[in-house]
Protein backbone atom coordinates (compact mmCIF):
# COMPACT_ATOMS: atom_id res chain seq x y z
CA MET A 1 9.82 -5.78 -10.07
CA GLU A 2 12.24 -8.63 -10.15
CA SER A 3 12.79 -10.94 -7.19
CA LYS A 4 16.36 -11.53 -6.08
CA PRO A 5 17.54 -15.11 -5.65
CA PHE A 6 18.60 -16.34 -2.24
CA PHE A 7 21.66 -18.43 -1.52
CA ASN A 8 22.79 -20.90 1.13
CA HIS A 9 24.94 -18.25 2.78
CA ASN A 10 21.94 -15.95 3.37
CA THR A 11 20.70 -15.99 6.94
CA ASP A 12 17.03 -16.40 7.79
CA GLU A 13 16.97 -12.76 8.88
CA GLU A 14 18.43 -11.59 5.56
CA ILE A 15 15.86 -13.56 3.61
CA ILE A 16 12.96 -12.29 5.73
CA LEU A 17 14.19 -8.71 5.40
CA ALA A 18 14.58 -9.03 1.64
CA LYS A 19 11.11 -10.54 1.24
CA ARG A 20 9.50 -7.85 3.38
CA THR A 21 11.31 -5.14 1.44
CA GLN A 22 10.18 -6.64 -1.87
CA GLU A 23 6.61 -6.83 -0.62
CA LEU A 24 6.71 -3.21 0.54
CA ASP A 25 8.08 -2.11 -2.83
CA VAL A 26 5.10 -3.79 -4.53
CA TRP A 27 2.66 -2.11 -2.14
CA ILE A 28 4.25 1.31 -2.69
CA SER A 29 4.29 0.86 -6.46
CA HIS A 30 0.66 -0.19 -6.48
CA LEU A 31 -0.45 2.68 -4.25
CA THR A 32 1.50 5.17 -6.37
CA TYR A 33 -0.54 4.05 -9.36
CA VAL A 34 -3.75 4.21 -7.31
CA THR A 35 -2.97 7.86 -6.48
CA ASP A 36 -2.79 8.71 -10.18
CA GLU A 37 -5.84 6.61 -11.00
CA SER A 38 -8.01 8.14 -8.28
CA ASP A 39 -7.10 11.63 -9.55
CA TRP A 40 -8.16 10.62 -13.08
CA LEU A 41 -11.37 9.06 -11.80
CA ALA A 42 -12.14 12.22 -9.81
CA GLN A 43 -11.91 14.18 -13.05
CA ILE A 44 -14.29 11.71 -14.72
CA ALA A 45 -16.71 12.00 -11.80
CA SER A 46 -16.64 15.77 -12.09
CA LYS A 47 -16.55 16.30 -15.85
CA LYS A 48 -18.53 13.35 -17.17
CA LEU A 49 -20.91 12.55 -14.32
CA ASN A 50 -21.20 16.02 -12.75
CA ASP A 51 -20.96 14.26 -9.38
CA GLU A 52 -18.97 16.52 -7.08
CA THR A 53 -19.58 14.28 -4.06
CA LEU A 54 -18.01 11.29 -5.78
CA LYS A 55 -15.19 13.51 -7.03
CA ASP A 56 -14.50 14.68 -3.48
CA GLU A 57 -14.58 11.11 -2.15
CA LEU A 58 -12.06 10.04 -4.79
CA LEU A 59 -9.78 12.98 -4.01
CA GLU A 60 -10.03 12.10 -0.32
CA LYS A 61 -8.99 8.52 -1.14
CA SER A 62 -6.06 9.93 -3.09
CA GLU A 63 -4.98 11.95 -0.05
CA GLN A 64 -5.36 8.91 2.23
CA ASN A 65 -3.37 6.93 -0.29
CA THR A 66 -0.50 9.43 -0.15
CA ILE A 67 -0.50 9.26 3.65
CA ILE A 68 -0.27 5.46 3.55
CA ILE A 69 2.57 5.60 0.99
CA ASN A 70 4.49 7.93 3.30
CA GLU A 71 3.87 5.59 6.25
CA LEU A 72 5.12 2.65 4.18
CA TYR A 73 8.30 4.54 3.26
CA THR A 74 8.88 5.31 6.94
CA TYR A 75 8.26 1.67 7.83
CA ARG A 76 10.58 0.53 5.03
CA GLY A 77 13.37 2.58 6.58
CA SER A 78 12.78 1.02 9.99
CA ILE A 79 12.68 -2.66 9.01
CA GLU A 80 16.47 -2.73 8.89
CA ASN A 81 16.19 -2.79 12.71
CA TYR A 82 14.78 -6.31 12.42
CA ASN A 83 18.34 -7.59 11.93
CA GLU A 84 19.20 -6.27 15.38
CA CYS A 85 16.58 -8.44 17.11
CA ASP A 86 18.10 -10.91 19.51
CA ASN A 87 14.99 -12.33 21.13
CA LEU A 88 11.57 -13.67 20.23
CA GLU A 89 9.73 -10.64 21.61
CA CYS A 90 11.57 -8.34 19.20
CA ASP A 91 10.96 -10.71 16.28
CA ILE A 92 7.25 -10.86 17.08
CA TYR A 93 7.08 -7.06 17.26
CA TYR A 94 8.34 -6.74 13.67
CA VAL A 95 6.15 -9.57 12.43
CA ASN A 96 3.09 -7.89 13.98
CA LEU A 97 4.14 -4.49 12.66
CA HIS A 98 4.40 -5.87 9.13
CA ASP A 99 1.01 -7.54 9.49
CA THR A 100 -0.48 -4.23 10.68
CA PHE A 101 0.78 -2.42 7.58
CA CYS A 102 -0.41 -5.26 5.35
CA SER A 103 -3.88 -5.08 6.88
CA LYS A 104 -4.00 -1.30 6.47
CA TYR A 105 -2.93 -1.64 2.82
CA VAL A 106 -5.54 -4.30 2.06
CA LYS A 107 -8.39 -2.41 3.81
CA HIS A 108 -7.49 0.79 1.97
CA LEU A 109 -7.49 -0.99 -1.39
CA GLU A 110 -10.83 -2.62 -0.64
CA ALA A 111 -12.42 0.74 0.20
CA TYR A 112 -10.88 2.30 -2.90
CA ARG A 113 -12.16 -0.51 -5.14
CA ASN A 114 -15.66 -0.09 -3.73
CA LEU A 115 -15.56 3.61 -4.53
CA LYS A 116 -14.19 2.92 -8.00
CA ASN A 117 -16.98 0.40 -8.60
CA GLU A 118 -19.51 3.06 -7.63
CA LEU A 119 -18.07 5.36 -10.30
CA TYR A 120 -18.16 2.61 -12.93
CA LYS A 121 -21.79 1.80 -12.13
CA LYS A 122 -22.74 5.45 -12.52
CA LEU A 123 -20.87 5.63 -15.81
CA LEU A 124 -22.75 2.63 -17.15
CA ASN A 125 -26.20 3.90 -16.17
């Protein structure tokens, strides 16, 4: 994913919107891969480890992942409204909204990594 250059004629709002959109595109791309990976790992848990509980947990993470991707796409469509802000309260709303999605993304990845580590430990034993 290539970053676009900014120019002197770009407004602060345009730059912020572009950066947020780029960041969201990275999150969506990453989570799309995580969906595929968790499906593969669920197959490993089932076929190689015979651990149906771990398989189910990985499939559940995959479903949660898909939900978060859909939420991010919905959010991505709404961030255009940031350009319409004409006061600090509106600006803060969009800053906080972005931070909320960032936090959700990071917490989801952390939980997924912990589950993936559990699978790897079982594979190595």
